[in-house]
Amino acid sequence: MKVKVQSLDAKSGGDINLDDSIFGVEPRADILHRVVTWQLTNRRAPARAARERSEVARTGKKFGRQKGGGTARHGDRRAPIFVGGGKAHGPRARIFSSSLNKKVRALGLKMALSSKAMSGQLVVVDNLDLKDGKTRELREKLGKLGFGKTALVMDGDALNVGFARASSNLASINLIPAVGANVYDIMRHETLVLTRAAVEKLEARFNG
């Protein structure tokens, strides 16, 4: 698959050939759904348990008279009706995790990349160099490039410091290294922007 390469100044930078085994895979909704569900499940934090009646360190001695007090006949300060008592039917500690075959995960990432390439939502730029690294400068350039409402920008091993500083104030731009490529982030952004270095890293990841 041949894609045009452009610079942040909206100038043409030639063409690049994308590996069809990575960017030309027919997407399947069921595979993408499985990978996204696996990601979101594993990012859930563990659920904290609440102490129930048997776990609260309070006295179990009867603290009042059986009759004559004008109140109910309580016999345990650990009861849920008292401040400091145990929680009635409180939440239990849980760890949320799931497993997914490595081949399915790799296939899901290929399909996510392919879906952006086939729908015309993939943009390849030469590099992310900015002259001054200012947010105003980057905002002006993005208006010419047409990245859409949201864009996921993927660089090589090391992130461009100037671009990272300039894009930190833009809610519509997210910047990640190629090693952090994942299905959920790719699919939830309107446009996927790859640098030449990111393309090389992704192809080496699957073909190496």
C-alpha atoms as a PDB file:
ATOM      1  CA  MET A   1       0.000   0.000   0.000  1.00  0.00           C
ATOM      2  CA  LYS A   2       1.445   3.346  -1.072  1.00  0.00           C
ATOM      3  CA  VAL A   3       0.726   6.401   1.092  1.00  0.00           C
ATOM      4  CA  LYS A   4       1.815  10.000   0.629  1.00  0.00           C
ATOM      5  CA  VAL A   5       4.160  11.430   3.234  1.00  0.00           C
ATOM      6  CA  GLN A   6       3.752  15.050   4.257  1.00  0.00           C
ATOM      7  CA  SER A   7       5.437  17.414   6.648  1.00  0.00           C
ATOM      8  CA  LEU A   8       3.861  19.468   9.414  1.00  0.00           C
ATOM      9  CA  ASP A   9       3.998  22.382   6.972  1.00  0.00           C
ATOM     10  CA  ALA A  10       1.571  20.465   4.693  1.00  0.00           C
ATOM     11  CA  LYS A  11       4.293  19.952   2.087  1.00  0.00           C
ATOM     12  CA  SER A  12       4.708  16.709   0.203  1.00  0.00           C
ATOM     13  CA  GLY A  13       7.528  14.461   1.343  1.00  0.00           C
ATOM     14  CA  GLY A  14       7.261  11.703  -1.237  1.00  0.00           C
ATOM     15  CA  ASP A  15       5.613   8.320  -0.844  1.00  0.00           C
ATOM     16  CA  ILE A  16       6.038   5.397   1.507  1.00  0.00           C
ATOM     17  CA  ASN A  17       5.137   1.756   0.944  1.00  0.00           C
ATOM     18  CA  LEU A  18       3.248   0.243   3.856  1.00  0.00           C
ATOM     19  CA  ASP A  19       3.394  -3.491   4.450  1.00  0.00           C
ATOM     20  CA  ASP A  20       0.090  -5.008   3.309  1.00  0.00           C
ATOM     21  CA  SER A  21       0.384  -7.752   5.919  1.00  0.00           C
ATOM     22  CA  ILE A  22       0.096  -5.044   8.595  1.00  0.00           C
ATOM     23  CA  PHE A  23      -1.851  -2.187   7.001  1.00  0.00           C
ATOM     24  CA  GLY A  24      -3.911  -4.196   4.512  1.00  0.00           C
ATOM     25  CA  VAL A  25      -5.698  -6.725   6.740  1.00  0.00           C
ATOM     26  CA  GLU A  26      -9.491  -6.845   6.414  1.00  0.00           C
ATOM     27  CA  PRO A  27     -10.872  -5.639   9.784  1.00  0.00           C
ATOM     28  CA  ARG A  28     -13.249  -7.829  11.777  1.00  0.00           C
ATOM     29  CA  ALA A  29     -15.488  -6.264  14.407  1.00  0.00           C
ATOM     30  CA  ASP A  30     -15.448  -9.348  16.637  1.00  0.00           C
ATOM     31  CA  ILE A  31     -11.641  -9.415  16.859  1.00  0.00           C
ATOM     32  CA  LEU A  32     -11.427  -5.689  17.585  1.00  0.00           C
ATOM     33  CA  HIS A  33     -14.142  -6.037  20.222  1.00  0.00           C
ATOM     34  CA  ARG A  34     -12.314  -8.880  21.958  1.00  0.00           C
ATOM     35  CA  VAL A  35      -9.039  -6.959  22.125  1.00  0.00           C
ATOM     36  CA  VAL A  36     -10.649  -3.730  23.369  1.00  0.00           C
ATOM     37  CA  THR A  37     -12.613  -5.631  26.028  1.00  0.00           C
ATOM     38  CA  TRP A  38      -9.404  -7.350  27.148  1.00  0.00           C
ATOM     39  CA  GLN A  39      -7.611  -4.004  27.407  1.00  0.00           C
ATOM     40  CA  LEU A  40     -10.342  -2.274  29.381  1.00  0.00           C
ATOM     41  CA  THR A  41     -10.757  -5.218  31.743  1.00  0.00           C
ATOM     42  CA  ASN A  42      -7.061  -5.330  32.597  1.00  0.00           C
ATOM     43  CA  ARG A  43      -6.858  -1.611  33.240  1.00  0.00           C
ATOM     44  CA  ARG A  44      -9.483  -1.794  36.001  1.00  0.00           C
ATOM     45  CA  ALA A  45      -8.122  -1.211  39.477  1.00  0.00           C
ATOM     46  CA  PRO A  46      -8.720  -3.860  42.152  1.00  0.00           C
ATOM     47  CA  ALA A  47     -11.879  -3.443  44.221  1.00  0.00           C
ATOM     48  CA  ARG A  48     -11.218  -2.669  47.881  1.00  0.00           C
ATOM     49  CA  ALA A  49     -13.038  -4.735  50.475  1.00  0.00           C
ATOM     50  CA  ALA A  50     -15.114  -3.261  53.307  1.00  0.00           C
ATOM     51  CA  ARG A  51     -14.904  -4.718  56.808  1.00  0.00           C
ATOM     52  CA  GLU A  52     -17.997  -6.625  57.817  1.00  0.00           C
ATOM     53  CA  ARG A  53     -19.361  -7.306  61.271  1.00  0.00           C
ATOM     54  CA  SER A  54     -17.003 -10.164  62.026  1.00  0.00           C
ATOM     55  CA  GLU A  55     -13.926  -8.156  60.953  1.00  0.00           C
ATOM     56  CA  VAL A  56     -14.420  -4.988  63.020  1.00  0.00           C
ATOM     57  CA  ALA A  57     -12.337  -4.733  66.200  1.00  0.00           C
ATOM     58  CA  ARG A  58     -15.012  -3.654  68.700  1.00  0.00           C
ATOM     59  CA  THR A  59     -16.282  -5.213  71.887  1.00  0.00           C
ATOM     60  CA  GLY A  60     -18.993  -7.833  71.749  1.00  0.00           C
ATOM     61  CA  LYS A  61     -20.006  -7.289  75.361  1.00  0.00           C
ATOM     62  CA  LYS A  62     -23.580  -6.313  76.071  1.00  0.00           C
ATOM     63  CA  PHE A  63     -23.390  -2.608  76.916  1.00  0.00           C
ATOM     64  CA  GLY A  64     -26.796  -1.860  78.397  1.00  0.00           C
ATOM     65  CA  ARG A  65     -29.447  -3.247  80.650  1.00  0.00           C
ATOM     66  CA  GLN A  66     -31.965  -5.702  79.238  1.00  0.00           C
ATOM     67  CA  LYS A  67     -34.877  -3.601  80.465  1.00  0.00           C
ATOM     68  CA  GLY A  68     -35.482  -0.132  81.726  1.00  0.00           C
ATOM     69  CA  GLY A  69     -33.136   1.761  79.427  1.00  0.00           C
ATOM     70  CA  GLY A  70     -35.841   2.967  77.074  1.00  0.00           C
ATOM     71  CA  THR A  71     -33.876   1.782  74.040  1.00  0.00           C
ATOM     72  CA  ALA A  72     -33.518  -1.382  72.020  1.00  0.00           C
ATOM     73  CA  ARG A  73     -31.764  -4.359  73.608  1.00  0.00           C
ATOM     74  CA  HIS A  74     -28.415  -4.156  71.830  1.00  0.00           C
ATOM     75  CA  GLY A  75     -25.669  -6.614  72.659  1.00  0.00           C
ATOM     76  CA  ASP A  76     -22.866  -5.872  70.179  1.00  0.00           C
ATOM     77  CA  ARG A  77     -21.151  -2.615  69.156  1.00  0.00           C
ATOM     78  CA  ARG A  78     -20.039  -4.250  65.895  1.00  0.00           C
ATOM     79  CA  ALA A  79     -23.592  -4.192  64.531  1.00  0.00           C
ATOM     80  CA  PRO A  80     -23.991  -2.234  61.235  1.00  0.00           C
ATOM     81  CA  ILE A  81     -26.423   0.259  62.812  1.00  0.00           C
ATOM     82  CA  PHE A  82     -23.673   1.784  64.988  1.00  0.00           C
ATOM     83  CA  VAL A  83     -21.028   4.266  63.918  1.00  0.00           C
ATOM     84  CA  GLY A  84     -17.813   2.282  63.569  1.00  0.00           C
ATOM     85  CA  GLY A  85     -19.675  -0.971  63.135  1.00  0.00           C
ATOM     86  CA  GLY A  86     -19.182  -3.443  60.333  1.00  0.00           C
ATOM     87  CA  LYS A  87     -20.657  -2.916  56.897  1.00  0.00           C
ATOM     88  CA  ALA A  88     -23.680  -5.075  56.162  1.00  0.00           C
ATOM     89  CA  HIS A  89     -23.098  -7.062  52.951  1.00  0.00           C
ATOM     90  CA  GLY A  90     -20.068  -4.924  52.076  1.00  0.00           C
ATOM     91  CA  PRO A  91     -18.029  -5.264  48.881  1.00  0.00           C
ATOM     92  CA  ARG A  92     -15.453  -8.030  48.694  1.00  0.00           C
ATOM     93  CA  ALA A  93     -11.903  -7.649  47.377  1.00  0.00           C
ATOM     94  CA  ARG A  94     -11.750  -8.433  43.668  1.00  0.00           C
ATOM     95  CA  ILE A  95      -9.018  -8.388  41.047  1.00  0.00           C
ATOM     96  CA  PHE A  96     -10.183  -7.826  37.486  1.00  0.00           C
ATOM     97  CA  SER A  97      -8.035  -9.500  34.862  1.00  0.00           C
ATOM     98  CA  SER A  98      -8.472 -11.511  31.714  1.00  0.00           C
ATOM     99  CA  SER A  99      -6.193 -13.282  29.252  1.00  0.00           C
ATOM    100  CA  LEU A 100      -6.122 -13.206  25.482  1.00  0.00           C
ATOM    101  CA  ASN A 101      -4.017 -15.171  23.036  1.00  0.00           C
ATOM    102  CA  LYS A 102      -0.975 -13.262  21.734  1.00  0.00           C
ATOM    103  CA  LYS A 103      -1.911 -14.054  18.144  1.00  0.00           C
ATOM    104  CA  VAL A 104      -5.353 -12.515  18.629  1.00  0.00           C
ATOM    105  CA  ARG A 105      -3.829  -9.410  20.209  1.00  0.00           C
ATOM    106  CA  ALA A 106      -1.385  -9.019  17.310  1.00  0.00           C
ATOM    107  CA  LEU A 107      -4.151  -9.574  14.777  1.00  0.00           C
ATOM    108  CA  GLY A 108      -6.341  -6.989  16.508  1.00  0.00           C
ATOM    109  CA  LEU A 109      -3.581  -4.367  16.303  1.00  0.00           C
ATOM    110  CA  LYS A 110      -3.036  -5.099  12.611  1.00  0.00           C
ATOM    111  CA  MET A 111      -6.771  -4.758  11.976  1.00  0.00           C
ATOM    112  CA  ALA A 112      -6.910  -1.453  13.870  1.00  0.00           C
ATOM    113  CA  LEU A 113      -4.043  -0.062  11.786  1.00  0.00           C
ATOM    114  CA  SER A 114      -5.615  -1.419   8.598  1.00  0.00           C
ATOM    115  CA  SER A 115      -9.015   0.084   9.372  1.00  0.00           C
ATOM    116  CA  LYS A 116      -7.458   3.548   9.599  1.00  0.00           C
ATOM    117  CA  ALA A 117      -5.469   3.028   6.400  1.00  0.00           C
ATOM    118  CA  MET A 118      -8.452   1.717   4.418  1.00  0.00           C
ATOM    119  CA  SER A 119     -10.805   4.461   5.590  1.00  0.00           C
ATOM    120  CA  GLY A 120      -8.380   7.259   4.710  1.00  0.00           C
ATOM    121  CA  GLN A 121      -7.873   8.198   8.374  1.00  0.00           C
ATOM    122  CA  LEU A 122      -4.164   7.383   8.353  1.00  0.00           C
ATOM    123  CA  VAL A 123      -1.677  10.214   7.930  1.00  0.00           C
ATOM    124  CA  VAL A 124       2.075   9.669   7.598  1.00  0.00           C
ATOM    125  CA  VAL A 125       4.374  12.596   8.358  1.00  0.00           C
ATOM    126  CA  ASP A 126       8.097  12.844   7.820  1.00  0.00           C
ATOM    127  CA  ASN A 127       8.859  13.986  11.375  1.00  0.00           C
ATOM    128  CA  LEU A 128       7.405  16.028  14.238  1.00  0.00           C
ATOM    129  CA  ASP A 129      10.001  18.787  14.298  1.00  0.00           C
ATOM    130  CA  LEU A 130       8.698  22.221  15.318  1.00  0.00           C
ATOM    131  CA  LYS A 131      10.789  25.354  15.044  1.00  0.00           C
ATOM    132  CA  ASP A 132       9.843  26.905  18.390  1.00  0.00           C
ATOM    133  CA  GLY A 133       7.802  24.149  20.028  1.00  0.00           C
ATOM    134  CA  LYS A 134       4.890  26.510  20.718  1.00  0.00           C
ATOM    135  CA  THR A 135       1.247  25.482  21.020  1.00  0.00           C
ATOM    136  CA  ARG A 136       0.117  28.370  18.812  1.00  0.00           C
ATOM    137  CA  GLU A 137       2.503  27.290  16.076  1.00  0.00           C
ATOM    138  CA  LEU A 138       1.267  23.691  16.220  1.00  0.00           C
ATOM    139  CA  ARG A 139      -2.397  24.724  16.231  1.00  0.00           C
ATOM    140  CA  GLU A 140      -1.884  26.714  13.032  1.00  0.00           C
ATOM    141  CA  LYS A 141      -0.189  23.758  11.324  1.00  0.00           C
ATOM    142  CA  LEU A 142      -2.910  21.326  12.391  1.00  0.00           C
ATOM    143  CA  GLY A 143      -5.532  23.515  10.767  1.00  0.00           C
ATOM    144  CA  LYS A 144      -3.823  23.011   7.403  1.00  0.00           C
ATOM    145  CA  LEU A 145      -3.197  19.279   7.829  1.00  0.00           C
ATOM    146  CA  GLY A 146      -6.794  18.376   8.685  1.00  0.00           C
ATOM    147  CA  PHE A 147      -6.213  15.851  11.450  1.00  0.00           C
ATOM    148  CA  GLY A 148      -9.894  15.835  12.398  1.00  0.00           C
ATOM    149  CA  LYS A 149     -11.441  16.349  15.827  1.00  0.00           C
ATOM    150  CA  THR A 150      -9.077  13.947  17.596  1.00  0.00           C
ATOM    151  CA  ALA A 151      -5.734  12.536  16.499  1.00  0.00           C
ATOM    152  CA  LEU A 152      -3.398   9.925  17.919  1.00  0.00           C
ATOM    153  CA  VAL A 153       0.172  10.809  16.976  1.00  0.00           C
ATOM    154  CA  MET A 154       2.659   7.942  17.091  1.00  0.00           C
ATOM    155  CA  ASP A 155       6.409   8.544  17.038  1.00  0.00           C
ATOM    156  CA  GLY A 156       9.400   6.185  17.151  1.00  0.00           C
ATOM    157  CA  ASP A 157      11.283   5.076  20.267  1.00  0.00           C
ATOM    158  CA  ALA A 158      11.871   8.599  21.563  1.00  0.00           C
ATOM    159  CA  LEU A 159       9.140  11.231  21.529  1.00  0.00           C
ATOM    160  CA  ASN A 160       9.873  14.573  19.918  1.00  0.00           C
ATOM    161  CA  VAL A 161      10.327  16.919  22.884  1.00  0.00           C
ATOM    162  CA  GLY A 162       9.195  20.068  21.047  1.00  0.00           C
ATOM    163  CA  PHE A 163       6.039  18.440  19.695  1.00  0.00           C
ATOM    164  CA  ALA A 164       5.249  16.880  23.074  1.00  0.00           C
ATOM    165  CA  ARG A 165       5.543  20.282  24.764  1.00  0.00           C
ATOM    166  CA  ALA A 166       3.434  22.034  22.128  1.00  0.00           C
ATOM    167  CA  SER A 167       0.703  19.377  22.054  1.00  0.00           C
ATOM    168  CA  SER A 168       0.389  19.039  25.833  1.00  0.00           C
ATOM    169  CA  ASN A 169      -2.157  21.887  25.887  1.00  0.00           C
ATOM    170  CA  LEU A 170      -4.238  20.494  23.011  1.00  0.00           C
ATOM    171  CA  ALA A 171      -6.971  18.118  24.164  1.00  0.00           C
ATOM    172  CA  SER A 172      -7.486  16.828  20.620  1.00  0.00           C
ATOM    173  CA  ILE A 173      -3.906  15.509  20.265  1.00  0.00           C
ATOM    174  CA  ASN A 174      -2.441  12.516  22.071  1.00  0.00           C
ATOM    175  CA  LEU A 175       1.197  11.513  21.578  1.00  0.00           C
ATOM    176  CA  ILE A 176       2.561   8.020  22.259  1.00  0.00           C
ATOM    177  CA  PRO A 177       5.682   6.055  21.219  1.00  0.00           C
ATOM    178  CA  ALA A 178       5.366   3.199  18.741  1.00  0.00           C
ATOM    179  CA  VAL A 179       5.953   0.661  21.505  1.00  0.00           C
ATOM    180  CA  GLY A 180       2.709   1.833  23.134  1.00  0.00           C
ATOM    181  CA  ALA A 181       0.524   1.167  20.078  1.00  0.00           C
ATOM    182  CA  ASN A 182      -2.756  -0.415  21.136  1.00  0.00           C
ATOM    183  CA  VAL A 183      -6.158  -1.079  19.636  1.00  0.00           C
ATOM    184  CA  TYR A 184      -8.225   0.982  22.078  1.00  0.00           C
ATOM    185  CA  ASP A 185      -6.319   4.251  21.588  1.00  0.00           C
ATOM    186  CA  ILE A 186      -6.203   3.805  17.811  1.00  0.00           C
ATOM    187  CA  MET A 187      -9.926   3.156  17.464  1.00  0.00           C
ATOM    188  CA  ARG A 188     -11.109   5.930  19.779  1.00  0.00           C
ATOM    189  CA  HIS A 189      -9.312   8.657  17.818  1.00  0.00           C
ATOM    190  CA  GLU A 190     -10.608   9.936  14.513  1.00  0.00           C
ATOM    191  CA  THR A 191      -7.187  10.129  12.842  1.00  0.00           C
ATOM    192  CA  LEU A 192      -4.009   8.094  13.252  1.00  0.00           C
ATOM    193  CA  VAL A 193      -0.804   9.989  12.540  1.00  0.00           C
ATOM    194  CA  LEU A 194       2.417   8.017  12.082  1.00  0.00           C
ATOM    195  CA  THR A 195       5.937   9.266  11.576  1.00  0.00           C
ATOM    196  CA  ARG A 196       8.376   7.432   9.332  1.00  0.00           C
ATOM    197  CA  ALA A 197      10.115   6.185  12.476  1.00  0.00           C
ATOM    198  CA  ALA A 198       6.810   4.851  13.837  1.00  0.00           C
ATOM    199  CA  VAL A 199       6.104   2.960  10.603  1.00  0.00           C
ATOM    200  CA  GLU A 200       9.552   1.360  10.753  1.00  0.00           C
ATOM    201  CA  LYS A 201       9.058   0.332  14.386  1.00  0.00           C
ATOM    202  CA  LEU A 202       5.613  -1.140  13.751  1.00  0.00           C
ATOM    203  CA  GLU A 203       6.803  -3.140  10.746  1.00  0.00           C
ATOM    204  CA  ALA A 204       9.846  -4.361  12.688  1.00  0.00           C
ATOM    205  CA  ARG A 205       7.562  -5.348  15.574  1.00  0.00           C
ATOM    206  CA  PHE A 206       5.510  -7.687  13.408  1.00  0.00           C
ATOM    207  CA  ASN A 207       8.143  -8.838  10.947  1.00  0.00           C
ATOM    208  CA  GLY A 208      11.055  -9.164  13.348  1.00  0.00           C
END
